[in-house]
C-alpha atoms as a PDB file:
ATOM      1  CA  MET A   1      -0.011  -0.083   0.035  1.00  0.00           C
ATOM      2  CA  SER A   2       2.853   2.408   0.863  1.00  0.00           C
ATOM      3  CA  THR A   3       4.408   1.750  -2.491  1.00  0.00           C
ATOM      4  CA  GLU A   4       1.323   2.580  -4.349  1.00  0.00           C
ATOM      5  CA  ILE A   5       0.813   5.813  -2.384  1.00  0.00           C
ATOM      6  CA  GLN A   6       4.415   6.741  -3.026  1.00  0.00           C
ATOM      7  CA  THR A   7       4.077   6.044  -6.827  1.00  0.00           C
ATOM      8  CA  SER A   8       0.818   8.085  -6.859  1.00  0.00           C
ATOM      9  CA  THR A   9       2.525  10.874  -5.042  1.00  0.00           C
ATOM     10  CA  GLU A  10       5.399  10.937  -7.470  1.00  0.00           C
ATOM     11  CA  GLY A  11       3.044  10.794 -10.528  1.00  0.00           C
ATOM     12  CA  ARG A  12       1.167  13.800  -9.065  1.00  0.00           C
ATOM     13  CA  GLY A  13       4.409  15.612  -8.514  1.00  0.00           C
ATOM     14  CA  ILE A  14       5.499  15.029 -12.078  1.00  0.00           C
ATOM     15  CA  VAL A  15       2.107  16.345 -13.359  1.00  0.00           C
ATOM     16  CA  GLU A  16       2.160  19.319 -11.150  1.00  0.00           C
ATOM     17  CA  ARG A  17       5.768  20.169 -12.093  1.00  0.00           C
ATOM     18  CA  LEU A  18       4.736  19.944 -15.885  1.00  0.00           C
ATOM     19  CA  ARG A  19       1.662  22.186 -15.289  1.00  0.00           C
ATOM     20  CA  ALA A  20       3.869  24.809 -13.354  1.00  0.00           C
ATOM     21  CA  SER A  21       6.677  24.705 -16.028  1.00  0.00           C
ATOM     22  CA  PRO A  22       7.154  28.227 -17.406  1.00  0.00           C
ATOM     23  CA  PHE A  23       8.423  26.807 -20.600  1.00  0.00           C
ATOM     24  CA  LEU A  24       5.110  24.750 -21.203  1.00  0.00           C
ATOM     25  CA  THR A  25       2.950  27.464 -20.152  1.00  0.00           C
ATOM     26  CA  LYS A  26       4.670  30.004 -22.594  1.00  0.00           C
ATOM     27  CA  LEU A  27       4.782  27.406 -25.427  1.00  0.00           C
ATOM     28  CA  LEU A  28       1.204  26.261 -25.025  1.00  0.00           C
ATOM     29  CA  SER A  29       0.171  29.922 -24.977  1.00  0.00           C
ATOM     30  CA  ASN A  30       1.663  30.389 -28.409  1.00  0.00           C
ATOM     31  CA  ARG A  31      -1.085  29.558 -30.976  1.00  0.00           C
ATOM     32  CA  LEU A  32       1.331  29.325 -34.012  1.00  0.00           C
ATOM     33  CA  ALA A  33       3.538  26.961 -32.003  1.00  0.00           C
ATOM     34  CA  ILE A  34       0.489  24.849 -31.330  1.00  0.00           C
ATOM     35  CA  VAL A  35      -0.390  24.899 -34.979  1.00  0.00           C
ATOM     36  CA  GLY A  36       2.995  23.759 -35.883  1.00  0.00           C
ATOM     37  CA  LEU A  37       2.986  20.874 -33.340  1.00  0.00           C
ATOM     38  CA  ILE A  38      -0.432  19.643 -34.773  1.00  0.00           C
ATOM     39  CA  ILE A  39       0.962  19.746 -38.269  1.00  0.00           C
ATOM     40  CA  ILE A  40       4.074  17.777 -37.108  1.00  0.00           C
ATOM     41  CA  VAL A  41       1.996  15.251 -35.175  1.00  0.00           C
ATOM     42  CA  GLY A  42      -0.427  14.865 -38.120  1.00  0.00           C
ATOM     43  CA  VAL A  43       2.277  14.210 -40.685  1.00  0.00           C
ATOM     44  CA  LEU A  44       4.069  11.868 -38.351  1.00  0.00           C
ATOM     45  CA  ALA A  45       0.783   9.862 -37.921  1.00  0.00           C
ATOM     46  CA  ILE A  46       0.494   9.802 -41.673  1.00  0.00           C
ATOM     47  CA  ALA A  47       4.203   8.578 -41.992  1.00  0.00           C
ATOM     48  CA  VAL A  48       3.648   5.652 -39.541  1.00  0.00           C
ATOM     49  CA  TYR A  49       0.279   4.785 -41.339  1.00  0.00           C
ATOM     50  CA  ALA A  50       1.945   4.692 -44.755  1.00  0.00           C
ATOM     51  CA  ARG A  51       4.974   2.754 -43.552  1.00  0.00           C
ATOM     52  CA  PHE A  52       2.543  -0.230 -42.470  1.00  0.00           C
ATOM     53  CA  ALA A  53      -0.188   0.204 -44.846  1.00  0.00           C
ATOM     54  CA  TYR A  54       1.578   0.299 -48.205  1.00  0.00           C
ATOM     55  CA  ASP A  55       4.130  -1.938 -49.883  1.00  0.00           C
ATOM     56  CA  ILE A  56       7.223  -0.005 -51.042  1.00  0.00           C
ATOM     57  CA  GLN A  57       7.717  -2.407 -54.099  1.00  0.00           C
ATOM     58  CA  ALA A  58       4.077  -1.658 -55.275  1.00  0.00           C
ATOM     59  CA  LEU A  59       4.679   2.127 -55.009  1.00  0.00           C
ATOM     60  CA  THR A  60       7.925   2.041 -57.132  1.00  0.00           C
ATOM     61  CA  ALA A  61       6.733  -0.343 -59.818  1.00  0.00           C
ATOM     62  CA  THR A  62       4.884   0.793 -62.907  1.00  0.00           C
ATOM     63  CA  GLN A  63       1.132   0.404 -62.998  1.00  0.00           C
ATOM     64  CA  TYR A  64       0.449   0.609 -66.760  1.00  0.00           C
ATOM     65  CA  ASN A  65      -2.049  -2.280 -66.719  1.00  0.00           C
ATOM     66  CA  THR A  66      -3.915  -0.925 -63.556  1.00  0.00           C
ATOM     67  CA  ASN A  67      -4.158   2.756 -63.729  1.00  0.00           C
ATOM     68  CA  PRO A  68      -4.465   5.333 -66.361  1.00  0.00           C
ATOM     69  CA  THR A  69      -1.414   7.359 -67.266  1.00  0.00           C
ATOM     70  CA  GLU A  70      -1.161  10.941 -66.190  1.00  0.00           C
ATOM     71  CA  ALA A  71      -4.759  10.992 -64.879  1.00  0.00           C
ATOM     72  CA  PRO A  72      -5.799  14.378 -63.227  1.00  0.00           C
ATOM     73  CA  PRO A  73      -6.827  14.503 -59.598  1.00  0.00           C
ATOM     74  CA  SER A  74     -10.346  12.855 -59.234  1.00  0.00           C
ATOM     75  CA  ALA A  75     -12.578  11.040 -56.769  1.00  0.00           C
ATOM     76  CA  GLN A  76     -10.681   7.775 -57.723  1.00  0.00           C
ATOM     77  CA  TYR A  77      -7.212   9.255 -57.881  1.00  0.00           C
ATOM     78  CA  TRP A  78      -7.048  12.228 -55.336  1.00  0.00           C
ATOM     79  CA  PHE A  79      -3.670  13.330 -56.413  1.00  0.00           C
ATOM     80  CA  GLY A  80      -3.796  11.962 -59.933  1.00  0.00           C
ATOM     81  CA  THR A  81      -1.306   9.569 -61.471  1.00  0.00           C
ATOM     82  CA  ASP A  82       2.176   9.975 -62.884  1.00  0.00           C
ATOM     83  CA  GLY A  83       3.735   9.142 -66.263  1.00  0.00           C
ATOM     84  CA  GLN A  84       4.047   5.443 -65.078  1.00  0.00           C
ATOM     85  CA  ALA A  85       0.426   5.214 -64.051  1.00  0.00           C
ATOM     86  CA  ARG A  86       1.391   5.194 -60.344  1.00  0.00           C
ATOM     87  CA  ASP A  87      -1.143   6.645 -57.966  1.00  0.00           C
ATOM     88  CA  ILE A  88       0.583   9.847 -56.542  1.00  0.00           C
ATOM     89  CA  PHE A  89      -1.537   9.897 -53.371  1.00  0.00           C
ATOM     90  CA  PRO A  90      -0.009   6.789 -51.524  1.00  0.00           C
ATOM     91  CA  ARG A  91       3.390   7.864 -52.898  1.00  0.00           C
ATOM     92  CA  VAL A  92       3.108  11.340 -51.194  1.00  0.00           C
ATOM     93  CA  LEU A  93       1.907   9.550 -47.916  1.00  0.00           C
ATOM     94  CA  TYR A  94       4.925   7.278 -47.965  1.00  0.00           C
ATOM     95  CA  GLY A  95       7.246  10.210 -48.669  1.00  0.00           C
ATOM     96  CA  ALA A  96       6.242  11.571 -45.373  1.00  0.00           C
ATOM     97  CA  TRP A  97       7.967   8.350 -43.831  1.00  0.00           C
ATOM     98  CA  TYR A  98      11.026   9.045 -45.665  1.00  0.00           C
ATOM     99  CA  ALA A  99      11.159  12.716 -44.560  1.00  0.00           C
ATOM    100  CA  MET A 100      10.474  11.954 -40.968  1.00  0.00           C
ATOM    101  CA  LYS A 101      12.911   8.903 -40.896  1.00  0.00           C
ATOM    102  CA  PHE A 102      15.840  10.469 -42.705  1.00  0.00           C
ATOM    103  CA  GLY A 103      15.320  13.822 -41.123  1.00  0.00           C
ATOM    104  CA  THR A 104      15.419  12.450 -37.602  1.00  0.00           C
ATOM    105  CA  VAL A 105      18.566  10.610 -38.317  1.00  0.00           C
ATOM    106  CA  THR A 106      20.246  13.548 -39.827  1.00  0.00           C
ATOM    107  CA  VAL A 107      19.254  15.919 -36.909  1.00  0.00           C
ATOM    108  CA  ALA A 108      20.140  13.495 -34.262  1.00  0.00           C
ATOM    109  CA  ALA A 109      23.530  12.570 -35.619  1.00  0.00           C
ATOM    110  CA  SER A 110      24.461  16.201 -36.238  1.00  0.00           C
ATOM    111  CA  THR A 111      23.155  17.076 -32.786  1.00  0.00           C
ATOM    112  CA  VAL A 112      25.244  14.418 -31.026  1.00  0.00           C
ATOM    113  CA  LEU A 113      28.397  15.315 -32.994  1.00  0.00           C
ATOM    114  CA  GLY A 114      27.952  19.089 -32.626  1.00  0.00           C
ATOM    115  CA  VAL A 115      27.149  19.073 -28.902  1.00  0.00           C
ATOM    116  CA  GLY A 116      30.187  16.796 -28.127  1.00  0.00           C
ATOM    117  CA  LEU A 117      32.582  18.916 -30.214  1.00  0.00           C
ATOM    118  CA  GLY A 118      31.128  22.191 -28.615  1.00  0.00           C
ATOM    119  CA  ILE A 119      31.323  21.046 -25.109  1.00  0.00           C
ATOM    120  CA  ILE A 120      34.871  19.577 -25.465  1.00  0.00           C
ATOM    121  CA  ALA A 121      36.058  22.799 -27.187  1.00  0.00           C
ATOM    122  CA  ALA A 122      34.547  25.001 -24.486  1.00  0.00           C
ATOM    123  CA  TYR A 123      35.977  22.927 -21.691  1.00  0.00           C
ATOM    124  CA  TYR A 124      39.537  22.201 -22.725  1.00  0.00           C
ATOM    125  CA  GLY A 125      40.055  25.464 -24.478  1.00  0.00           C
ATOM    126  CA  ASP A 126      43.531  26.454 -25.977  1.00  0.00           C
ATOM    127  CA  LEU A 127      44.688  24.160 -28.672  1.00  0.00           C
ATOM    128  CA  THR A 128      41.678  21.841 -28.459  1.00  0.00           C
ATOM    129  CA  ASP A 129      39.282  24.797 -28.911  1.00  0.00           C
ATOM    130  CA  ASN A 130      41.174  26.351 -31.811  1.00  0.00           C
ATOM    131  CA  VAL A 131      41.580  23.108 -33.654  1.00  0.00           C
ATOM    132  CA  ILE A 132      37.820  22.152 -33.393  1.00  0.00           C
ATOM    133  CA  MET A 133      36.290  25.743 -34.004  1.00  0.00           C
ATOM    134  CA  ARG A 134      38.614  26.726 -36.722  1.00  0.00           C
ATOM    135  CA  THR A 135      37.480  23.505 -38.548  1.00  0.00           C
ATOM    136  CA  MET A 136      33.890  24.308 -37.871  1.00  0.00           C
ATOM    137  CA  ASP A 137      34.564  27.795 -39.278  1.00  0.00           C
ATOM    138  CA  VAL A 138      36.043  26.303 -42.450  1.00  0.00           C
ATOM    139  CA  LEU A 139      32.773  24.116 -42.869  1.00  0.00           C
ATOM    140  CA  LEU A 140      30.607  27.187 -42.124  1.00  0.00           C
ATOM    141  CA  SER A 141      32.360  29.230 -44.866  1.00  0.00           C
ATOM    142  CA  PHE A 142      30.710  27.325 -47.471  1.00  0.00           C
ATOM    143  CA  PRO A 143      26.939  27.544 -48.477  1.00  0.00           C
ATOM    144  CA  SER A 144      25.197  24.472 -46.879  1.00  0.00           C
ATOM    145  CA  LEU A 145      23.778  23.052 -49.978  1.00  0.00           C
ATOM    146  CA  LEU A 146      26.894  23.472 -52.054  1.00  0.00           C
ATOM    147  CA  LEU A 147      28.950  21.777 -49.284  1.00  0.00           C
ATOM    148  CA  ALA A 148      26.298  19.069 -49.150  1.00  0.00           C
ATOM    149  CA  LEU A 149      26.677  18.506 -52.913  1.00  0.00           C
ATOM    150  CA  ALA A 150      30.479  18.297 -52.617  1.00  0.00           C
ATOM    151  CA  LEU A 151      30.377  15.782 -49.721  1.00  0.00           C
ATOM    152  CA  VAL A 152      27.499  13.648 -51.095  1.00  0.00           C
ATOM    153  CA  THR A 153      29.634  12.701 -54.116  1.00  0.00           C
ATOM    154  CA  VAL A 154      32.082  11.050 -51.703  1.00  0.00           C
ATOM    155  CA  PHE A 155      29.728   8.246 -50.860  1.00  0.00           C
ATOM    156  CA  PRO A 156      28.672   5.573 -53.189  1.00  0.00           C
ATOM    157  CA  ASP A 157      25.335   5.688 -55.153  1.00  0.00           C
ATOM    158  CA  SER A 158      24.155   2.372 -53.649  1.00  0.00           C
ATOM    159  CA  LEU A 159      23.558   4.200 -50.372  1.00  0.00           C
ATOM    160  CA  GLY A 160      20.638   6.128 -51.654  1.00  0.00           C
ATOM    161  CA  LEU A 161      19.364   8.704 -49.304  1.00  0.00           C
ATOM    162  CA  TRP A 162      21.745   7.585 -46.615  1.00  0.00           C
ATOM    163  CA  ARG A 163      24.591   9.439 -48.464  1.00  0.00           C
ATOM    164  CA  ALA A 164      22.480  12.597 -48.214  1.00  0.00           C
ATOM    165  CA  VAL A 165      22.160  12.022 -44.515  1.00  0.00           C
ATOM    166  CA  ALA A 166      25.771  11.482 -44.213  1.00  0.00           C
ATOM    167  CA  ALA A 167      26.600  14.696 -45.952  1.00  0.00           C
ATOM    168  CA  LEU A 168      23.900  16.826 -44.283  1.00  0.00           C
ATOM    169  CA  THR A 169      25.196  15.437 -40.897  1.00  0.00           C
ATOM    170  CA  LEU A 170      28.540  16.999 -41.424  1.00  0.00           C
ATOM    171  CA  VAL A 171      27.112  20.172 -42.809  1.00  0.00           C
ATOM    172  CA  TYR A 172      24.921  20.720 -39.656  1.00  0.00           C
ATOM    173  CA  THR A 173      27.366  19.724 -37.215  1.00  0.00           C
ATOM    174  CA  PRO A 174      29.245  23.169 -36.991  1.00  0.00           C
ATOM    175  CA  ARG A 175      25.934  24.992 -36.281  1.00  0.00           C
ATOM    176  CA  PHE A 176      25.428  22.806 -33.162  1.00  0.00           C
ATOM    177  CA  ALA A 177      29.101  23.172 -32.184  1.00  0.00           C
ATOM    178  CA  ARG A 178      29.129  26.992 -32.250  1.00  0.00           C
ATOM    179  CA  VAL A 179      25.816  27.317 -30.309  1.00  0.00           C
ATOM    180  CA  VAL A 180      26.701  24.789 -27.638  1.00  0.00           C
ATOM    181  CA  ARG A 181      30.350  26.117 -27.182  1.00  0.00           C
ATOM    182  CA  GLY A 182      28.966  29.709 -26.508  1.00  0.00           C
ATOM    183  CA  THR A 183      26.477  28.524 -23.960  1.00  0.00           C
ATOM    184  CA  ALA A 184      28.860  26.096 -22.386  1.00  0.00           C
ATOM    185  CA  LEU A 185      31.421  28.747 -21.877  1.00  0.00           C
ATOM    186  CA  LYS A 186      28.664  30.739 -19.852  1.00  0.00           C
ATOM    187  CA  VAL A 187      27.951  27.721 -17.814  1.00  0.00           C
ATOM    188  CA  LEU A 188      31.607  26.982 -17.042  1.00  0.00           C
ATOM    189  CA  GLU A 189      31.977  30.420 -15.505  1.00  0.00           C
ATOM    190  CA  ASP A 190      29.611  29.648 -12.731  1.00  0.00           C
ATOM    191  CA  GLU A 191      31.002  28.926  -9.279  1.00  0.00           C
ATOM    192  CA  TYR A 192      29.185  25.624  -8.812  1.00  0.00           C
ATOM    193  CA  ILE A 193      31.364  24.236 -11.571  1.00  0.00           C
ATOM    194  CA  ASP A 194      34.381  24.979  -9.699  1.00  0.00           C
ATOM    195  CA  ALA A 195      32.843  23.604  -6.453  1.00  0.00           C
ATOM    196  CA  THR A 196      31.885  20.541  -8.263  1.00  0.00           C
ATOM    197  CA  TYR A 197      35.357  20.061  -9.767  1.00  0.00           C
ATOM    198  CA  ALA A 198      36.872  20.630  -6.263  1.00  0.00           C
ATOM    199  CA  LEU A 199      34.775  17.871  -4.851  1.00  0.00           C
ATOM    200  CA  GLY A 200      36.537  15.446  -7.250  1.00  0.00           C
ATOM    201  CA  ALA A 201      34.168  15.224 -10.109  1.00  0.00           C
ATOM    202  CA  THR A 202      35.787  13.697 -13.230  1.00  0.00           C
ATOM    203  CA  ASP A 203      35.630  15.518 -16.534  1.00  0.00           C
ATOM    204  CA  PRO A 204      33.121  13.293 -18.245  1.00  0.00           C
ATOM    205  CA  ARG A 205      30.883  13.516 -15.073  1.00  0.00           C
ATOM    206  CA  LEU A 206      31.197  17.274 -14.933  1.00  0.00           C
ATOM    207  CA  LEU A 207      30.360  17.745 -18.666  1.00  0.00           C
ATOM    208  CA  VAL A 208      27.474  15.266 -18.788  1.00  0.00           C
ATOM    209  CA  ARG A 209      25.885  15.918 -15.496  1.00  0.00           C
ATOM    210  CA  HIS A 210      26.318  19.578 -15.023  1.00  0.00           C
ATOM    211  CA  VAL A 211      27.336  21.300 -18.174  1.00  0.00           C
ATOM    212  CA  LEU A 212      25.122  19.606 -20.774  1.00  0.00           C
ATOM    213  CA  PRO A 213      21.820  19.883 -18.880  1.00  0.00           C
ATOM    214  CA  ASN A 214      22.255  23.653 -18.821  1.00  0.00           C
ATOM    215  CA  CYS A 215      22.796  23.773 -22.567  1.00  0.00           C
ATOM    216  CA  LEU A 216      19.628  21.874 -23.552  1.00  0.00           C
ATOM    217  CA  ALA A 217      17.517  25.018 -24.298  1.00  0.00           C
ATOM    218  CA  PRO A 218      19.606  26.255 -27.232  1.00  0.00           C
ATOM    219  CA  ILE A 219      20.138  22.508 -28.311  1.00  0.00           C
ATOM    220  CA  THR A 220      16.394  22.056 -28.479  1.00  0.00           C
ATOM    221  CA  VAL A 221      15.508  25.125 -30.476  1.00  0.00           C
ATOM    222  CA  GLN A 222      18.469  24.392 -32.909  1.00  0.00           C
ATOM    223  CA  SER A 223      17.427  20.744 -33.461  1.00  0.00           C
ATOM    224  CA  THR A 224      13.713  21.667 -34.112  1.00  0.00           C
ATOM    225  CA  LEU A 225      14.714  24.522 -36.572  1.00  0.00           C
ATOM    226  CA  ASN A 226      17.217  22.270 -38.284  1.00  0.00           C
ATOM    227  CA  PHE A 227      14.715  19.433 -38.781  1.00  0.00           C
ATOM    228  CA  GLY A 228      12.885  21.581 -41.195  1.00  0.00           C
ATOM    229  CA  LEU A 229      16.078  22.370 -42.949  1.00  0.00           C
ATOM    230  CA  ALA A 230      17.154  18.820 -43.085  1.00  0.00           C
ATOM    231  CA  ILE A 231      13.808  17.827 -44.791  1.00  0.00           C
ATOM    232  CA  ILE A 232      14.239  20.564 -47.295  1.00  0.00           C
ATOM    233  CA  ASP A 233      17.792  19.789 -48.006  1.00  0.00           C
ATOM    234  CA  ILE A 234      17.170  16.008 -48.313  1.00  0.00           C
ATOM    235  CA  ALA A 235      14.437  16.820 -50.880  1.00  0.00           C
ATOM    236  CA  ALA A 236      16.716  19.243 -52.712  1.00  0.00           C
ATOM    237  CA  LEU A 237      19.589  16.636 -53.027  1.00  0.00           C
ATOM    238  CA  SER A 238      17.010  14.071 -54.277  1.00  0.00           C
ATOM    239  CA  PHE A 239      15.783  16.817 -56.583  1.00  0.00           C
ATOM    240  CA  LEU A 240      19.203  17.241 -58.104  1.00  0.00           C
ATOM    241  CA  GLY A 241      19.770  13.481 -58.466  1.00  0.00           C
ATOM    242  CA  PHE A 242      22.099  12.943 -55.414  1.00  0.00           C
ATOM    243  CA  GLY A 243      19.566  11.454 -53.036  1.00  0.00           C
ATOM    244  CA  ALA A 244      16.839   9.035 -53.467  1.00  0.00           C
ATOM    245  CA  SER A 245      16.983   6.411 -56.424  1.00  0.00           C
ATOM    246  CA  PRO A 246      14.761   6.599 -59.511  1.00  0.00           C
ATOM    247  CA  GLY A 247      11.158   5.584 -58.846  1.00  0.00           C
ATOM    248  CA  SER A 248      11.440   6.074 -54.994  1.00  0.00           C
ATOM    249  CA  PRO A 249       8.519   7.783 -53.323  1.00  0.00           C
ATOM    250  CA  SER A 250      10.672  10.584 -51.906  1.00  0.00           C
ATOM    251  CA  TRP A 251       9.237  14.084 -52.135  1.00  0.00           C
ATOM    252  CA  GLY A 252      12.341  15.484 -53.746  1.00  0.00           C
ATOM    253  CA  MET A 253      12.359  12.814 -56.486  1.00  0.00           C
ATOM    254  CA  MET A 254       8.697  13.412 -57.157  1.00  0.00           C
ATOM    255  CA  LEU A 255       9.267  17.100 -57.425  1.00  0.00           C
ATOM    256  CA  SER A 256      12.248  16.360 -59.961  1.00  0.00           C
ATOM    257  CA  ASN A 257      10.032  14.096 -62.137  1.00  0.00           C
ATOM    258  CA  GLY A 258       7.217  16.575 -61.973  1.00  0.00           C
ATOM    259  CA  VAL A 259       9.329  19.412 -63.132  1.00  0.00           C
ATOM    260  CA  GLU A 260      11.114  17.394 -65.816  1.00  0.00           C
ATOM    261  CA  PHE A 261       8.182  15.577 -67.332  1.00  0.00           C
ATOM    262  CA  GLY A 262       4.865  16.650 -65.740  1.00  0.00           C
ATOM    263  CA  LEU A 263       4.952  20.482 -66.388  1.00  0.00           C
ATOM    264  CA  PHE A 264       5.849  20.020 -70.085  1.00  0.00           C
ATOM    265  CA  SER A 265       2.699  17.978 -70.590  1.00  0.00           C
ATOM    266  CA  GLY A 266       0.495  20.081 -68.306  1.00  0.00           C
ATOM    267  CA  ALA A 267       0.449  17.477 -65.500  1.00  0.00           C
ATOM    268  CA  TRP A 268       0.889  20.050 -62.763  1.00  0.00           C
ATOM    269  CA  TRP A 269      -0.275  17.623 -60.137  1.00  0.00           C
ATOM    270  CA  TRP A 270       3.034  15.627 -60.216  1.00  0.00           C
ATOM    271  CA  SER A 271       4.893  18.280 -58.254  1.00  0.00           C
ATOM    272  CA  PHE A 272       2.185  20.252 -56.687  1.00  0.00           C
ATOM    273  CA  PHE A 273       1.012  17.837 -54.058  1.00  0.00           C
ATOM    274  CA  PRO A 274       4.574  16.622 -52.987  1.00  0.00           C
ATOM    275  CA  GLY A 275       5.623  20.242 -52.716  1.00  0.00           C
ATOM    276  CA  LEU A 276       2.540  21.266 -50.858  1.00  0.00           C
ATOM    277  CA  VAL A 277       3.050  18.601 -48.122  1.00  0.00           C
ATOM    278  CA  LEU A 278       6.714  19.388 -48.013  1.00  0.00           C
ATOM    279  CA  ALA A 279       6.140  23.004 -47.480  1.00  0.00           C
ATOM    280  CA  LEU A 280       3.461  22.380 -44.848  1.00  0.00           C
ATOM    281  CA  LEU A 281       5.748  20.093 -42.786  1.00  0.00           C
ATOM    282  CA  VAL A 282       8.601  22.527 -42.882  1.00  0.00           C
ATOM    283  CA  LEU A 283       6.177  25.320 -41.935  1.00  0.00           C
ATOM    284  CA  GLY A 284       5.111  23.240 -38.915  1.00  0.00           C
ATOM    285  CA  PHE A 285       8.724  22.829 -37.721  1.00  0.00           C
ATOM    286  CA  ASN A 286       9.526  26.505 -38.119  1.00  0.00           C
ATOM    287  CA  LEU A 287       6.416  27.537 -36.150  1.00  0.00           C
ATOM    288  CA  LEU A 288       7.284  25.091 -33.426  1.00  0.00           C
ATOM    289  CA  GLY A 289      10.929  26.098 -33.409  1.00  0.00           C
ATOM    290  CA  ASP A 290      10.065  29.793 -33.061  1.00  0.00           C
ATOM    291  CA  GLY A 291       7.646  29.210 -30.254  1.00  0.00           C
ATOM    292  CA  MET A 292      10.143  26.977 -28.352  1.00  0.00           C
ATOM    293  CA  ARG A 293      12.801  29.767 -28.821  1.00  0.00           C
ATOM    294  CA  ASP A 294      10.288  32.505 -27.400  1.00  0.00           C
ATOM    295  CA  ALA A 295       9.368  30.226 -24.488  1.00  0.00           C
ATOM    296  CA  LEU A 296      13.076  29.465 -23.680  1.00  0.00           C
ATOM    297  CA  ASP A 297      14.329  32.971 -24.041  1.00  0.00           C
ATOM    298  CA  PRO A 298      14.125  34.819 -20.712  1.00  0.00           C
ATOM    299  CA  ARG A 299      13.842  38.132 -22.477  1.00  0.00           C
ATOM    300  CA  MET A 300      10.605  36.948 -24.106  1.00  0.00           C
ATOM    301  CA  ARG A 301       8.780  36.000 -20.792  1.00  0.00           C
ATOM    302  CA  ASP A 302       6.659  38.213 -18.680  1.00  0.00           C
ATOM    303  CA  THR A 303       8.201  39.602 -15.558  1.00  0.00           C
ATOM    304  CA  VAL A 304       6.995  37.798 -12.474  1.00  0.00           C
ATOM    305  CA  ASP A 305       6.297  40.035  -9.449  1.00  0.00           C
END
């Protein structure tokens, strides 16, 4: 009985702490951020549904004997069909799975690398800081898409979209490194860091248990905003022929086929619907990221008496 009471008390404590969180209160009061969150959750639900409802082999294969070729949107084919008689609607839905899957891996990998390099550079300083940050400066000196195009050619074509993920991971890593380094330098100036070090804390424990948690706010905002950029850049690389393989239900590949073949024949729906969903998802991440930035920025909060 006492264990149940203790568990119930802890559960109520967590709920109460969440309700009293200034961050959540500010975020939930931002209507645009809520709209962005709804869009993201909706697309995520569509992505999961498409992943288990559709067969990828059927979506990539030609359907000449089943569907009409280049049929406009109708009650039977909501988004129309393409030049190979494939129904565009399920392909767009499955493209959401590709966007969320590869976008998540890209942002997660670049976050881990950037955060690790930024904290190490801030903590050890001197030569370590100079080597790491000058390398990041070199990477930041190139336009992101051009650098991604240069890096993606290093990886074999057989990797498909994974080579775009690898290239964009290296492109986004310097952004996290610079943001985290600046925040970590401020955290390391606090007196409790010196006290913790004097009590015998090792470097890994100090960085992971004390420095990293105080850098989560900018990391969270940067990750959310970079998620939208990752989806756009993955689609852009596929559009240029450096990402998804031909026939793949990737939004970038569908946009490329639509522009190359559909527009000349008047089949505007080839590229319209993939582009619309892509723009909507990126808008959702931008709205949520802006809302999180406002909620986490002390200067944006109301003064508490």
